[in-house]
Amino acid sequence: MSANGASLLIGKWRLFEADLWDVKYLDLVEPAYISFAACGNGELVLAMKRC
C-alpha cells in the first residue's frame, strides 16, 4: 500500500517473460497481461486463456 492507502499494483501489467513458455506463446492471441482493479477484481490473459 502507498501512503494514501491505494495499492501500487492497481493497473494493467504486461507479461513478457515466463519460465515455462516463450513470448510467442504468451502472446498467441493478444499481448499477455495481468490486471488489478481497485475493487479487488483482476484479470489474467495469456496464450488462449482469459481468467
N, C-alpha and C. Protein backbone atom coordinates (compact mmCIF):
# COMPACT_ATOMS: atom_id res chain seq x y z
N MET A 1 0.83 -1.18 0.00
CA MET A 1 0.00 0.00 0.00
C MET A 1 0.88 1.25 0.00
N SER A 2 0.39 2.25 -0.64
CA SER A 2 1.12 3.51 -0.63
C SER A 2 0.69 4.32 0.60
N ALA A 3 1.27 5.47 0.77
CA ALA A 3 0.98 6.31 1.93
C ALA A 3 -0.48 6.73 2.00
N ASN A 4 -1.14 6.86 0.83
CA ASN A 4 -2.55 7.29 0.82
C ASN A 4 -3.51 6.10 0.89
N GLY A 5 -3.01 4.88 1.06
CA GLY A 5 -3.86 3.70 1.20
C GLY A 5 -4.17 2.98 -0.09
N ALA A 6 -3.77 3.51 -1.22
CA ALA A 6 -4.02 2.86 -2.52
C ALA A 6 -2.91 1.86 -2.82
N SER A 7 -3.27 0.75 -3.42
CA SER A 7 -2.28 -0.26 -3.78
C SER A 7 -1.45 0.22 -4.97
N LEU A 8 -0.18 -0.07 -4.93
CA LEU A 8 0.70 0.29 -6.04
C LEU A 8 0.58 -0.67 -7.21
N LEU A 9 -0.15 -1.78 -7.03
CA LEU A 9 -0.29 -2.77 -8.09
C LEU A 9 -1.49 -2.53 -9.00
N ILE A 10 -2.39 -1.62 -8.65
CA ILE A 10 -3.59 -1.38 -9.46
C ILE A 10 -3.18 -0.91 -10.84
N GLY A 11 -3.76 -1.57 -11.84
CA GLY A 11 -3.47 -1.22 -13.23
C GLY A 11 -3.26 -2.47 -14.06
N LYS A 12 -2.80 -2.29 -15.27
CA LYS A 12 -2.58 -3.37 -16.22
C LYS A 12 -1.08 -3.57 -16.39
N TRP A 13 -0.61 -4.81 -16.20
CA TRP A 13 0.81 -5.12 -16.25
C TRP A 13 1.08 -6.11 -17.38
N ARG A 14 1.98 -5.78 -18.25
CA ARG A 14 2.33 -6.61 -19.40
C ARG A 14 3.20 -7.78 -18.95
N LEU A 15 2.86 -8.99 -19.39
CA LEU A 15 3.68 -10.17 -19.12
C LEU A 15 4.58 -10.40 -20.33
N PHE A 16 5.87 -10.38 -20.13
CA PHE A 16 6.79 -10.53 -21.25
C PHE A 16 7.78 -11.67 -21.05
N GLU A 17 7.68 -12.38 -19.92
CA GLU A 17 8.60 -13.47 -19.67
C GLU A 17 7.93 -14.48 -18.75
N ALA A 18 8.16 -15.77 -19.02
CA ALA A 18 7.66 -16.84 -18.16
C ALA A 18 8.65 -18.00 -18.23
N ASP A 19 8.77 -18.72 -17.14
CA ASP A 19 9.71 -19.85 -17.09
C ASP A 19 9.31 -20.97 -18.05
N LEU A 20 8.01 -21.20 -18.21
CA LEU A 20 7.55 -22.35 -18.98
C LEU A 20 7.27 -22.07 -20.45
N TRP A 21 7.03 -20.82 -20.84
CA TRP A 21 6.65 -20.51 -22.22
C TRP A 21 7.46 -19.34 -22.75
N ASP A 22 7.69 -19.32 -24.06
CA ASP A 22 8.34 -18.16 -24.66
C ASP A 22 7.28 -17.11 -24.99
N VAL A 23 7.74 -15.91 -25.33
CA VAL A 23 6.83 -14.78 -25.53
C VAL A 23 5.88 -15.01 -26.72
N LYS A 24 6.30 -15.77 -27.73
CA LYS A 24 5.41 -16.06 -28.86
C LYS A 24 4.18 -16.84 -28.42
N TYR A 25 4.34 -17.74 -27.45
CA TYR A 25 3.20 -18.48 -26.93
C TYR A 25 2.35 -17.60 -26.01
N LEU A 26 2.98 -16.82 -25.16
CA LEU A 26 2.23 -15.94 -24.27
C LEU A 26 1.32 -15.00 -25.06
N ASP A 27 1.82 -14.50 -26.18
CA ASP A 27 1.09 -13.52 -26.99
C ASP A 27 0.37 -14.15 -28.18
N LEU A 28 -0.03 -15.39 -28.06
CA LEU A 28 -0.62 -16.12 -29.18
C LEU A 28 -1.85 -15.42 -29.77
N VAL A 29 -2.75 -14.93 -28.94
CA VAL A 29 -3.99 -14.29 -29.41
C VAL A 29 -3.93 -12.78 -29.23
N GLU A 30 -3.42 -12.35 -28.12
CA GLU A 30 -3.26 -10.92 -27.81
C GLU A 30 -2.10 -10.78 -26.84
N PRO A 31 -1.57 -9.58 -26.66
CA PRO A 31 -0.47 -9.42 -25.71
C PRO A 31 -0.86 -9.88 -24.30
N ALA A 32 -0.01 -10.68 -23.69
CA ALA A 32 -0.28 -11.23 -22.36
C ALA A 32 -0.19 -10.13 -21.30
N TYR A 33 -1.11 -10.18 -20.33
CA TYR A 33 -1.09 -9.21 -19.24
C TYR A 33 -1.84 -9.74 -18.03
N ILE A 34 -1.63 -9.07 -16.91
CA ILE A 34 -2.41 -9.28 -15.69
C ILE A 34 -2.84 -7.90 -15.24
N SER A 35 -4.09 -7.80 -14.79
CA SER A 35 -4.58 -6.50 -14.34
C SER A 35 -5.20 -6.63 -12.95
N PHE A 36 -5.10 -5.55 -12.20
CA PHE A 36 -5.66 -5.47 -10.86
C PHE A 36 -6.51 -4.21 -10.79
N ALA A 37 -7.76 -4.36 -10.33
CA ALA A 37 -8.66 -3.22 -10.18
C ALA A 37 -8.73 -2.80 -8.71
N ALA A 38 -9.09 -1.56 -8.48
CA ALA A 38 -9.19 -1.03 -7.12
C ALA A 38 -10.24 -1.77 -6.30
N CYS A 39 -11.26 -2.32 -6.95
CA CYS A 39 -12.34 -3.01 -6.23
C CYS A 39 -11.94 -4.42 -5.80
N GLY A 40 -10.75 -4.86 -6.20
CA GLY A 40 -10.27 -6.19 -5.81
C GLY A 40 -10.36 -7.22 -6.92
N ASN A 41 -10.99 -6.89 -8.03
CA ASN A 41 -11.05 -7.80 -9.18
C ASN A 41 -9.74 -7.73 -9.96
N GLY A 42 -9.56 -8.73 -10.80
CA GLY A 42 -8.38 -8.76 -11.65
C GLY A 42 -8.61 -9.64 -12.86
N GLU A 43 -7.65 -9.65 -13.75
CA GLU A 43 -7.76 -10.44 -14.98
C GLU A 43 -6.38 -10.91 -15.38
N LEU A 44 -6.31 -12.15 -15.85
CA LEU A 44 -5.07 -12.74 -16.35
C LEU A 44 -5.33 -13.19 -17.78
N VAL A 45 -4.54 -12.69 -18.72
CA VAL A 45 -4.69 -13.05 -20.13
C VAL A 45 -3.35 -13.51 -20.66
N LEU A 46 -3.30 -14.76 -21.17
CA LEU A 46 -2.09 -15.26 -21.82
C LEU A 46 -2.45 -16.41 -22.74
N ALA A 47 -1.69 -16.56 -23.80
CA ALA A 47 -1.89 -17.60 -24.82
C ALA A 47 -3.34 -17.56 -25.29
N MET A 48 -4.10 -18.62 -25.05
CA MET A 48 -5.51 -18.66 -25.46
C MET A 48 -6.41 -18.72 -24.24
N LYS A 49 -5.98 -18.17 -23.12
CA LYS A 49 -6.72 -18.27 -21.86
C LYS A 49 -6.97 -16.90 -21.29
N ARG A 50 -8.20 -16.65 -20.90
CA ARG A 50 -8.57 -15.42 -20.20
C ARG A 50 -9.23 -15.84 -18.90
N CYS A 51 -8.66 -15.45 -17.77
CA CYS A 51 -9.18 -15.84 -16.45
C CYS A 51 -9.64 -14.61 -15.69
